[in-house]
Amino acid sequence: MKFNVNGQAITGQFAVYAEKILADKDYYKDYINQKIDSGQFKAAMYADASLSSVAGFNDYMIEHISVMPPDERMPADKIFGWLENNKIISCNENIYDGFNEYRKSVLENYNHGDFITFVYPEDELLMYAAAKIAKPKRLFMAGCYYGYLGIWMMQSVRENGGVAVLSDIDEQVCELARENFKNLGFENNAEICCEDAAAILSRRDEPIDMLVLDATGKGDDERPEFRGKRIYGALLKAAKHLLRKGSVIYIHNMEHSPDMRELIDELREINALGESYPTYNGLGVYIIK
């Protein structure tokens, strides 16, 4: 996706761009220091006349920015805390170990090209930790875009001698993902396929240790269940024969909307238990019991 507002193109990490705009604002500092809540943060942005002409700070985006957590660990701590309290996982190791060093390498070397990503810091950390828990040898990601969300799981994939299959239907973004994964040393641990994810899943027979859902279906898809974020339910249904006890499901853009109904039904049917967090993107991690 290329992001152009009022003639201004924004590329790379939108989170970095937004933080630069807000960094000197007292209300932003108060929010990060947890002196004000999300509602007050949102009201302050709406009241800030200086944002009215800034690309990327329209009403829709302000609504989303206002729910980013003030501390990037909050979603992961809540989700994994719930999973541990309900005896679904046991975190005997620090699932955040090595993250800061890995992040430094990714941020220094990742090429975003002409594209923009709305993957936020909390998304990166949650993906990194979820992969630490999954210890994946076989991983599938539906909707990889140019690979920036997927890169955060690759250290665990490589550490476990695994292979990740990542799919997207756009050849341009797939090529950029391949370039980045090669530059970061993951070319032997990743297969990036420019193909419909449901088609790949339907013909696959090897079990999956971790499934990542981040696809968006075309609004005019002839299959209504594949339109927009309804595609999540359809993809999980297509992957059911590959999932087993202990498989981890990472869900990006887990909206609280009717589009999630099929997904929730499928999670319930396969006895996948987990928790979500309503941040900028909406994040969820579920594990099959």
C-alpha atoms as a PDB file:
ATOM      1  CA  MET A   1       0.000   0.000   0.000  1.00  0.00           C
ATOM      2  CA  LYS A   2       1.263   3.450  -0.896  1.00  0.00           C
ATOM      3  CA  PHE A   3       0.066   6.239   1.370  1.00  0.00           C
ATOM      4  CA  ASN A   4      -0.426   9.666  -0.114  1.00  0.00           C
ATOM      5  CA  VAL A   5      -2.205  12.476   1.730  1.00  0.00           C
ATOM      6  CA  ASN A   6      -2.625  15.965   0.299  1.00  0.00           C
ATOM      7  CA  GLY A   7       0.100  15.251  -2.212  1.00  0.00           C
ATOM      8  CA  GLN A   8       2.567  14.070   0.446  1.00  0.00           C
ATOM      9  CA  ALA A   9       3.841  10.518   0.213  1.00  0.00           C
ATOM     10  CA  ILE A  10       4.616   8.753   3.486  1.00  0.00           C
ATOM     11  CA  THR A  11       6.742   5.607   3.327  1.00  0.00           C
ATOM     12  CA  GLY A  12       8.282   3.240   5.861  1.00  0.00           C
ATOM     13  CA  GLN A  13       6.917   2.843   9.380  1.00  0.00           C
ATOM     14  CA  PHE A  14       3.894   5.023  10.038  1.00  0.00           C
ATOM     15  CA  ALA A  15       4.530   4.587  13.769  1.00  0.00           C
ATOM     16  CA  VAL A  16       7.909   6.317  13.428  1.00  0.00           C
ATOM     17  CA  TYR A  17       6.380   9.084  11.339  1.00  0.00           C
ATOM     18  CA  ALA A  18       3.541   9.658  13.849  1.00  0.00           C
ATOM     19  CA  GLU A  19       5.922   9.634  16.815  1.00  0.00           C
ATOM     20  CA  LYS A  20       8.057  12.334  15.189  1.00  0.00           C
ATOM     21  CA  ILE A  21       4.973  14.510  14.739  1.00  0.00           C
ATOM     22  CA  LEU A  22       3.851  14.001  18.329  1.00  0.00           C
ATOM     23  CA  ALA A  23       7.198  13.789  20.136  1.00  0.00           C
ATOM     24  CA  ASP A  24       7.297  17.397  21.358  1.00  0.00           C
ATOM     25  CA  LYS A  25       3.630  17.562  22.366  1.00  0.00           C
ATOM     26  CA  ASP A  26       3.118  17.740  26.128  1.00  0.00           C
ATOM     27  CA  TYR A  27      -0.065  15.686  25.900  1.00  0.00           C
ATOM     28  CA  TYR A  28       1.816  12.932  24.057  1.00  0.00           C
ATOM     29  CA  LYS A  29       4.470  12.860  26.776  1.00  0.00           C
ATOM     30  CA  ASP A  30       1.703  12.693  29.382  1.00  0.00           C
ATOM     31  CA  TYR A  31       0.130   9.753  27.561  1.00  0.00           C
ATOM     32  CA  ILE A  32       3.403   7.843  27.236  1.00  0.00           C
ATOM     33  CA  ASN A  33       4.041   8.452  30.949  1.00  0.00           C
ATOM     34  CA  GLN A  34       0.477   7.252  31.657  1.00  0.00           C
ATOM     35  CA  LYS A  35      -0.608  10.535  33.227  1.00  0.00           C
ATOM     36  CA  ILE A  36      -3.625  10.710  30.909  1.00  0.00           C
ATOM     37  CA  ASP A  37      -5.719   7.941  29.377  1.00  0.00           C
ATOM     38  CA  SER A  38      -6.522   7.070  25.780  1.00  0.00           C
ATOM     39  CA  GLY A  39      -9.678   9.195  25.696  1.00  0.00           C
ATOM     40  CA  GLN A  40      -7.834  12.251  26.940  1.00  0.00           C
ATOM     41  CA  PHE A  41      -5.032  11.618  24.456  1.00  0.00           C
ATOM     42  CA  LYS A  42      -7.540  11.450  21.602  1.00  0.00           C
ATOM     43  CA  ALA A  43      -9.295  14.628  22.748  1.00  0.00           C
ATOM     44  CA  ALA A  44      -5.966  16.436  22.916  1.00  0.00           C
ATOM     45  CA  MET A  45      -5.110  15.459  19.338  1.00  0.00           C
ATOM     46  CA  TYR A  46      -8.499  16.653  18.094  1.00  0.00           C
ATOM     47  CA  ALA A  47      -8.005  19.943  19.946  1.00  0.00           C
ATOM     48  CA  ASP A  48      -4.514  20.446  18.514  1.00  0.00           C
ATOM     49  CA  ALA A  49      -5.015  22.821  15.574  1.00  0.00           C
ATOM     50  CA  SER A  50      -1.456  22.209  14.383  1.00  0.00           C
ATOM     51  CA  LEU A  51      -2.400  18.639  13.382  1.00  0.00           C
ATOM     52  CA  SER A  52      -5.213  19.700  11.059  1.00  0.00           C
ATOM     53  CA  SER A  53      -2.883  20.121   8.088  1.00  0.00           C
ATOM     54  CA  VAL A  54      -0.528  17.232   8.869  1.00  0.00           C
ATOM     55  CA  ALA A  55      -0.688  14.289   6.455  1.00  0.00           C
ATOM     56  CA  GLY A  56      -1.923  11.124   8.122  1.00  0.00           C
ATOM     57  CA  PHE A  57      -3.711  12.834  11.005  1.00  0.00           C
ATOM     58  CA  ASN A  58      -7.269  12.820   9.755  1.00  0.00           C
ATOM     59  CA  ASP A  59     -10.138  11.761  12.046  1.00  0.00           C
ATOM     60  CA  TYR A  60      -9.854   8.090  11.114  1.00  0.00           C
ATOM     61  CA  MET A  61      -6.147   7.947  11.891  1.00  0.00           C
ATOM     62  CA  ILE A  62      -6.446   9.907  15.130  1.00  0.00           C
ATOM     63  CA  GLU A  63      -9.024   7.397  16.361  1.00  0.00           C
ATOM     64  CA  HIS A  64      -6.526   4.607  15.704  1.00  0.00           C
ATOM     65  CA  ILE A  65      -3.441   6.410  17.019  1.00  0.00           C
ATOM     66  CA  SER A  66      -5.233   7.162  20.284  1.00  0.00           C
ATOM     67  CA  VAL A  67      -5.470   3.470  21.199  1.00  0.00           C
ATOM     68  CA  MET A  68      -1.811   2.624  20.756  1.00  0.00           C
ATOM     69  CA  PRO A  69      -0.544   1.461  24.156  1.00  0.00           C
ATOM     70  CA  PRO A  70       1.712   3.887  26.029  1.00  0.00           C
ATOM     71  CA  ASP A  71       4.043   0.948  26.746  1.00  0.00           C
ATOM     72  CA  GLU A  72       4.681  -1.498  23.905  1.00  0.00           C
ATOM     73  CA  ARG A  73       4.781  -4.454  26.305  1.00  0.00           C
ATOM     74  CA  MET A  74       1.208  -3.972  27.492  1.00  0.00           C
ATOM     75  CA  PRO A  75      -0.512  -6.102  24.793  1.00  0.00           C
ATOM     76  CA  ALA A  76       2.024  -8.926  25.077  1.00  0.00           C
ATOM     77  CA  ASP A  77       1.949  -8.905  28.883  1.00  0.00           C
ATOM     78  CA  LYS A  78      -1.850  -9.018  28.914  1.00  0.00           C
ATOM     79  CA  ILE A  79      -2.194 -11.726  26.258  1.00  0.00           C
ATOM     80  CA  PHE A  80       0.557 -14.014  27.507  1.00  0.00           C
ATOM     81  CA  GLY A  81      -0.423 -13.363  31.113  1.00  0.00           C
ATOM     82  CA  TRP A  82      -3.938 -14.575  30.319  1.00  0.00           C
ATOM     83  CA  LEU A  83      -2.606 -17.648  28.538  1.00  0.00           C
ATOM     84  CA  GLU A  84      -0.316 -18.492  31.435  1.00  0.00           C
ATOM     85  CA  ASN A  85      -2.953 -17.860  34.109  1.00  0.00           C
ATOM     86  CA  ASN A  86      -5.263 -20.224  32.270  1.00  0.00           C
ATOM     87  CA  LYS A  87      -2.506 -22.868  32.084  1.00  0.00           C
ATOM     88  CA  ILE A  88      -2.411 -22.794  28.288  1.00  0.00           C
ATOM     89  CA  ILE A  89       1.284 -21.882  28.238  1.00  0.00           C
ATOM     90  CA  SER A  90       4.103 -21.893  30.762  1.00  0.00           C
ATOM     91  CA  CYS A  91       6.647 -19.126  30.244  1.00  0.00           C
ATOM     92  CA  ASN A  92       9.702 -20.797  31.749  1.00  0.00           C
ATOM     93  CA  GLU A  93      11.991 -18.604  29.674  1.00  0.00           C
ATOM     94  CA  ASN A  94      12.001 -14.892  29.041  1.00  0.00           C
ATOM     95  CA  ILE A  95      10.096 -14.619  25.787  1.00  0.00           C
ATOM     96  CA  TYR A  96      11.461 -11.110  25.237  1.00  0.00           C
ATOM     97  CA  ASP A  97      15.128 -12.156  25.433  1.00  0.00           C
ATOM     98  CA  GLY A  98      17.179 -10.826  22.538  1.00  0.00           C
ATOM     99  CA  PHE A  99      14.418  -8.606  21.225  1.00  0.00           C
ATOM    100  CA  ASN A 100      16.198  -5.260  21.533  1.00  0.00           C
ATOM    101  CA  GLU A 101      19.290  -6.512  19.730  1.00  0.00           C
ATOM    102  CA  TYR A 102      17.177  -8.103  17.001  1.00  0.00           C
ATOM    103  CA  ARG A 103      15.094  -4.958  16.595  1.00  0.00           C
ATOM    104  CA  LYS A 104      18.235  -2.868  16.164  1.00  0.00           C
ATOM    105  CA  SER A 105      19.365  -5.117  13.314  1.00  0.00           C
ATOM    106  CA  VAL A 106      15.966  -5.061  11.607  1.00  0.00           C
ATOM    107  CA  LEU A 107      15.520  -1.287  11.871  1.00  0.00           C
ATOM    108  CA  GLU A 108      18.993  -0.661  10.495  1.00  0.00           C
ATOM    109  CA  ASN A 109      18.651  -3.021   7.545  1.00  0.00           C
ATOM    110  CA  TYR A 110      15.005  -3.264   6.474  1.00  0.00           C
ATOM    111  CA  ASN A 111      14.204  -1.653   3.137  1.00  0.00           C
ATOM    112  CA  HIS A 112      10.620  -0.370   2.958  1.00  0.00           C
ATOM    113  CA  GLY A 113      10.916   0.755  -0.656  1.00  0.00           C
ATOM    114  CA  ASP A 114       8.013   2.963  -1.686  1.00  0.00           C
ATOM    115  CA  PHE A 115       5.604   1.326   0.754  1.00  0.00           C
ATOM    116  CA  ILE A 116       4.243   2.173   4.169  1.00  0.00           C
ATOM    117  CA  THR A 117       3.558  -0.220   7.031  1.00  0.00           C
ATOM    118  CA  PHE A 118       1.151   0.239   9.915  1.00  0.00           C
ATOM    119  CA  VAL A 119       2.934  -2.404  11.996  1.00  0.00           C
ATOM    120  CA  TYR A 120       3.489  -0.744  15.370  1.00  0.00           C
ATOM    121  CA  PRO A 121       6.183  -1.504  17.986  1.00  0.00           C
ATOM    122  CA  GLU A 122       3.723  -3.517  20.077  1.00  0.00           C
ATOM    123  CA  ASP A 123       2.954  -5.681  17.025  1.00  0.00           C
ATOM    124  CA  GLU A 124       6.659  -6.394  16.543  1.00  0.00           C
ATOM    125  CA  LEU A 125       7.172  -7.430  20.160  1.00  0.00           C
ATOM    126  CA  LEU A 126       4.056  -9.603  20.268  1.00  0.00           C
ATOM    127  CA  MET A 127       5.066 -11.425  17.086  1.00  0.00           C
ATOM    128  CA  TYR A 128       8.599 -11.978  18.366  1.00  0.00           C
ATOM    129  CA  ALA A 129       7.332 -13.388  21.671  1.00  0.00           C
ATOM    130  CA  ALA A 130       4.574 -15.505  20.077  1.00  0.00           C
ATOM    131  CA  ALA A 131       7.173 -17.151  17.851  1.00  0.00           C
ATOM    132  CA  LYS A 132       9.375 -17.784  20.902  1.00  0.00           C
ATOM    133  CA  ILE A 133       6.457 -19.675  22.446  1.00  0.00           C
ATOM    134  CA  ALA A 134       5.567 -21.547  19.239  1.00  0.00           C
ATOM    135  CA  LYS A 135       9.188 -22.608  18.499  1.00  0.00           C
ATOM    136  CA  PRO A 136       8.029 -23.105  14.903  1.00  0.00           C
ATOM    137  CA  LYS A 137       9.542 -25.583  12.501  1.00  0.00           C
ATOM    138  CA  ARG A 138       6.644 -25.070  10.088  1.00  0.00           C
ATOM    139  CA  LEU A 139       4.940 -21.696   9.906  1.00  0.00           C
ATOM    140  CA  PHE A 140       2.465 -20.187   7.478  1.00  0.00           C
ATOM    141  CA  MET A 141       1.637 -16.500   7.074  1.00  0.00           C
ATOM    142  CA  ALA A 142      -1.343 -15.373   5.006  1.00  0.00           C
ATOM    143  CA  GLY A 143      -0.990 -11.796   3.777  1.00  0.00           C
ATOM    144  CA  CYS A 144       2.697 -11.056   4.246  1.00  0.00           C
ATOM    145  CA  TYR A 145       2.734  -7.746   2.288  1.00  0.00           C
ATOM    146  CA  TYR A 146       6.430  -6.840   1.970  1.00  0.00           C
ATOM    147  CA  GLY A 147       7.383  -8.959   4.954  1.00  0.00           C
ATOM    148  CA  TYR A 148       7.790  -6.392   7.714  1.00  0.00           C
ATOM    149  CA  LEU A 149       5.413  -8.054  10.198  1.00  0.00           C
ATOM    150  CA  GLY A 150       6.712 -11.491   9.285  1.00  0.00           C
ATOM    151  CA  ILE A 151      10.351 -10.596   9.886  1.00  0.00           C
ATOM    152  CA  TRP A 152       9.710 -10.462  13.640  1.00  0.00           C
ATOM    153  CA  MET A 153       9.066 -14.208  13.792  1.00  0.00           C
ATOM    154  CA  MET A 154      12.030 -15.234  11.674  1.00  0.00           C
ATOM    155  CA  GLN A 155      14.677 -15.386  14.382  1.00  0.00           C
ATOM    156  CA  SER A 156      12.711 -18.123  16.159  1.00  0.00           C
ATOM    157  CA  VAL A 157      12.056 -19.923  12.890  1.00  0.00           C
ATOM    158  CA  ARG A 158      15.793 -20.026  12.166  1.00  0.00           C
ATOM    159  CA  GLU A 159      16.720 -20.964  15.748  1.00  0.00           C
ATOM    160  CA  ASN A 160      14.391 -23.963  15.501  1.00  0.00           C
ATOM    161  CA  GLY A 161      15.643 -25.041  12.085  1.00  0.00           C
ATOM    162  CA  GLY A 162      12.277 -24.235  10.591  1.00  0.00           C
ATOM    163  CA  VAL A 163      10.843 -22.876   7.366  1.00  0.00           C
ATOM    164  CA  ALA A 164       8.211 -20.157   7.090  1.00  0.00           C
ATOM    165  CA  VAL A 165       5.934 -19.989   4.075  1.00  0.00           C
ATOM    166  CA  LEU A 166       4.631 -16.461   3.540  1.00  0.00           C
ATOM    167  CA  SER A 167       2.060 -15.587   0.902  1.00  0.00           C
ATOM    168  CA  ASP A 168       0.719 -12.490  -0.803  1.00  0.00           C
ATOM    169  CA  ILE A 169      -0.938 -12.052  -4.185  1.00  0.00           C
ATOM    170  CA  ASP A 170       1.077  -8.930  -5.103  1.00  0.00           C
ATOM    171  CA  GLU A 171       4.332  -9.837  -6.857  1.00  0.00           C
ATOM    172  CA  GLN A 172       5.864  -6.405  -6.217  1.00  0.00           C
ATOM    173  CA  VAL A 173       5.611  -6.671  -2.439  1.00  0.00           C
ATOM    174  CA  CYS A 174       6.679 -10.323  -2.511  1.00  0.00           C
ATOM    175  CA  GLU A 175       9.864  -9.378  -4.343  1.00  0.00           C
ATOM    176  CA  LEU A 176      10.664  -6.692  -1.772  1.00  0.00           C
ATOM    177  CA  ALA A 177      10.043  -9.209   1.024  1.00  0.00           C
ATOM    178  CA  ARG A 178      12.420 -11.694  -0.613  1.00  0.00           C
ATOM    179  CA  GLU A 179      15.090  -9.005  -0.890  1.00  0.00           C
ATOM    180  CA  ASN A 180      14.766  -8.081   2.786  1.00  0.00           C
ATOM    181  CA  PHE A 181      14.722 -11.659   4.065  1.00  0.00           C
ATOM    182  CA  LYS A 182      17.846 -12.425   2.046  1.00  0.00           C
ATOM    183  CA  ASN A 183      19.630  -9.316   3.312  1.00  0.00           C
ATOM    184  CA  LEU A 184      18.837 -10.306   6.903  1.00  0.00           C
ATOM    185  CA  GLY A 185      20.055 -13.866   6.403  1.00  0.00           C
ATOM    186  CA  PHE A 186      16.754 -15.747   6.266  1.00  0.00           C
ATOM    187  CA  GLU A 187      16.715 -16.895   2.643  1.00  0.00           C
ATOM    188  CA  ASN A 188      17.117 -20.557   3.695  1.00  0.00           C
ATOM    189  CA  ASN A 189      14.323 -20.337   6.258  1.00  0.00           C
ATOM    190  CA  ALA A 190      11.603 -18.608   4.244  1.00  0.00           C
ATOM    191  CA  GLU A 191       9.593 -19.296   1.123  1.00  0.00           C
ATOM    192  CA  ILE A 192       7.674 -16.284  -0.128  1.00  0.00           C
ATOM    193  CA  CYS A 193       4.869 -17.245  -2.483  1.00  0.00           C
ATOM    194  CA  CYS A 194       2.941 -14.878  -4.708  1.00  0.00           C
ATOM    195  CA  GLU A 195      -0.262 -16.897  -4.576  1.00  0.00           C
ATOM    196  CA  ASP A 196      -3.673 -17.028  -2.919  1.00  0.00           C
ATOM    197  CA  ALA A 197      -3.192 -18.272   0.655  1.00  0.00           C
ATOM    198  CA  ALA A 198      -6.305 -20.457   0.635  1.00  0.00           C
ATOM    199  CA  ALA A 199      -5.041 -22.323  -2.437  1.00  0.00           C
ATOM    200  CA  ILE A 200      -1.687 -23.019  -0.763  1.00  0.00           C
ATOM    201  CA  LEU A 201      -3.331 -24.195   2.463  1.00  0.00           C
ATOM    202  CA  SER A 202      -5.793 -26.455   0.669  1.00  0.00           C
ATOM    203  CA  ARG A 203      -3.051 -28.521  -1.000  1.00  0.00           C
ATOM    204  CA  ARG A 204      -0.656 -28.595   1.957  1.00  0.00           C
ATOM    205  CA  ASP A 205      -0.465 -31.674   4.174  1.00  0.00           C
ATOM    206  CA  GLU A 206       2.404 -30.931   6.596  1.00  0.00           C
ATOM    207  CA  PRO A 207       1.193 -29.736  10.029  1.00  0.00           C
ATOM    208  CA  ILE A 208       1.685 -26.066  11.003  1.00  0.00           C
ATOM    209  CA  ASP A 209       3.185 -25.003  14.323  1.00  0.00           C
ATOM    210  CA  MET A 210       2.190 -21.370  13.848  1.00  0.00           C
ATOM    211  CA  LEU A 211      -0.382 -19.645  11.637  1.00  0.00           C
ATOM    212  CA  VAL A 212      -0.309 -15.879  11.060  1.00  0.00           C
ATOM    213  CA  LEU A 213      -3.379 -14.112   9.655  1.00  0.00           C
ATOM    214  CA  ASP A 214      -2.835 -10.664   8.143  1.00  0.00           C
ATOM    215  CA  ALA A 215      -4.590 -10.841   4.780  1.00  0.00           C
ATOM    216  CA  THR A 216      -7.293  -8.532   3.466  1.00  0.00           C
ATOM    217  CA  GLY A 217      -9.648  -9.871   0.844  1.00  0.00           C
ATOM    218  CA  LYS A 218     -10.781  -7.913  -2.172  1.00  0.00           C
ATOM    219  CA  GLY A 219     -14.075  -6.140  -1.626  1.00  0.00           C
ATOM    220  CA  ASP A 220     -15.458  -7.558  -4.872  1.00  0.00           C
ATOM    221  CA  ASP A 221     -14.246 -11.143  -4.387  1.00  0.00           C
ATOM    222  CA  GLU A 222     -16.801 -13.530  -5.880  1.00  0.00           C
ATOM    223  CA  ARG A 223     -16.591 -15.467  -2.606  1.00  0.00           C
ATOM    224  CA  PRO A 224     -18.341 -13.256  -0.018  1.00  0.00           C
ATOM    225  CA  GLU A 225     -16.609 -15.040   2.858  1.00  0.00           C
ATOM    226  CA  PHE A 226     -13.239 -13.887   1.453  1.00  0.00           C
ATOM    227  CA  ARG A 227     -14.051 -10.175   1.351  1.00  0.00           C
ATOM    228  CA  GLY A 228     -12.199  -7.761   3.629  1.00  0.00           C
ATOM    229  CA  LYS A 229     -11.347  -9.188   7.039  1.00  0.00           C
ATOM    230  CA  ARG A 230     -14.003 -11.893   6.682  1.00  0.00           C
ATOM    231  CA  ILE A 231     -11.175 -13.718   4.926  1.00  0.00           C
ATOM    232  CA  TYR A 232      -9.717 -14.625   8.332  1.00  0.00           C
ATOM    233  CA  GLY A 233     -12.509 -17.085   9.053  1.00  0.00           C
ATOM    234  CA  ALA A 234     -12.193 -18.605   5.586  1.00  0.00           C
ATOM    235  CA  LEU A 235      -8.423 -18.965   5.896  1.00  0.00           C
ATOM    236  CA  LEU A 236      -8.601 -20.543   9.343  1.00  0.00           C
ATOM    237  CA  LYS A 237     -11.149 -22.996   7.976  1.00  0.00           C
ATOM    238  CA  ALA A 238      -8.766 -23.793   5.100  1.00  0.00           C
ATOM    239  CA  ALA A 239      -5.917 -24.366   7.578  1.00  0.00           C
ATOM    240  CA  LYS A 240      -7.823 -26.552  10.070  1.00  0.00           C
ATOM    241  CA  HIS A 241      -6.471 -29.831   8.743  1.00  0.00           C
ATOM    242  CA  LEU A 242      -2.915 -28.584   9.315  1.00  0.00           C
ATOM    243  CA  LEU A 243      -3.296 -27.375  12.888  1.00  0.00           C
ATOM    244  CA  ARG A 244      -2.750 -29.538  15.946  1.00  0.00           C
ATOM    245  CA  LYS A 245      -2.638 -29.304  19.713  1.00  0.00           C
ATOM    246  CA  GLY A 246      -0.221 -26.521  20.681  1.00  0.00           C
ATOM    247  CA  SER A 247      -0.352 -24.695  17.333  1.00  0.00           C
ATOM    248  CA  VAL A 248      -0.167 -20.923  17.780  1.00  0.00           C
ATOM    249  CA  ILE A 249      -2.436 -18.556  15.824  1.00  0.00           C
ATOM    250  CA  TYR A 250      -1.348 -14.909  15.612  1.00  0.00           C
ATOM    251  CA  ILE A 251      -4.066 -12.547  14.379  1.00  0.00           C
ATOM    252  CA  HIS A 252      -3.248  -9.045  13.166  1.00  0.00           C
ATOM    253  CA  ASN A 253      -6.043  -6.504  12.710  1.00  0.00           C
ATOM    254  CA  MET A 254      -8.394  -8.444  14.947  1.00  0.00           C
ATOM    255  CA  GLU A 255     -11.267  -6.014  14.741  1.00  0.00           C
ATOM    256  CA  HIS A 256     -14.322  -5.990  16.961  1.00  0.00           C
ATOM    257  CA  SER A 257     -16.742  -6.152  14.060  1.00  0.00           C
ATOM    258  CA  PRO A 258     -19.179  -8.525  12.327  1.00  0.00           C
ATOM    259  CA  ASP A 259     -16.344  -9.440   9.931  1.00  0.00           C
ATOM    260  CA  MET A 260     -14.751 -11.412  12.774  1.00  0.00           C
ATOM    261  CA  ARG A 261     -17.797 -13.619  13.369  1.00  0.00           C
ATOM    262  CA  GLU A 262     -16.624 -16.488  11.162  1.00  0.00           C
ATOM    263  CA  LEU A 263     -13.135 -16.287  12.670  1.00  0.00           C
ATOM    264  CA  ILE A 264     -14.461 -16.478  16.229  1.00  0.00           C
ATOM    265  CA  ASP A 265     -16.668 -19.430  15.268  1.00  0.00           C
ATOM    266  CA  GLU A 266     -13.718 -21.267  13.726  1.00  0.00           C
ATOM    267  CA  LEU A 267     -11.479 -20.589  16.737  1.00  0.00           C
ATOM    268  CA  ARG A 268     -14.170 -22.015  19.005  1.00  0.00           C
ATOM    269  CA  GLU A 269     -14.644 -25.080  16.802  1.00  0.00           C
ATOM    270  CA  ILE A 270     -10.936 -26.017  16.910  1.00  0.00           C
ATOM    271  CA  ASN A 271     -10.715 -25.283  20.652  1.00  0.00           C
ATOM    272  CA  ALA A 272      -8.259 -22.436  20.189  1.00  0.00           C
ATOM    273  CA  LEU A 273      -8.124 -20.364  23.362  1.00  0.00           C
ATOM    274  CA  GLY A 274      -6.530 -16.972  23.715  1.00  0.00           C
ATOM    275  CA  GLU A 275      -6.807 -13.272  24.285  1.00  0.00           C
ATOM    276  CA  SER A 276      -6.856 -10.099  22.205  1.00  0.00           C
ATOM    277  CA  TYR A 277      -5.873  -6.491  22.799  1.00  0.00           C
ATOM    278  CA  PRO A 278      -7.639  -3.489  21.171  1.00  0.00           C
ATOM    279  CA  THR A 279      -4.593  -1.490  20.129  1.00  0.00           C
ATOM    280  CA  TYR A 280      -4.004   0.402  16.847  1.00  0.00           C
ATOM    281  CA  ASN A 281      -4.315  -2.794  14.823  1.00  0.00           C
ATOM    282  CA  GLY A 282      -6.107  -5.144  17.175  1.00  0.00           C
ATOM    283  CA  LEU A 283      -3.940  -8.086  18.179  1.00  0.00           C
ATOM    284  CA  GLY A 284      -4.759 -11.636  19.173  1.00  0.00           C
ATOM    285  CA  VAL A 285      -2.893 -14.820  20.038  1.00  0.00           C
ATOM    286  CA  TYR A 286      -4.695 -18.164  20.336  1.00  0.00           C
ATOM    287  CA  ILE A 287      -3.367 -21.640  21.046  1.00  0.00           C
ATOM    288  CA  ILE A 288      -5.093 -24.922  20.301  1.00  0.00           C
ATOM    289  CA  LYS A 289      -5.754 -26.947  23.419  1.00  0.00           C
END
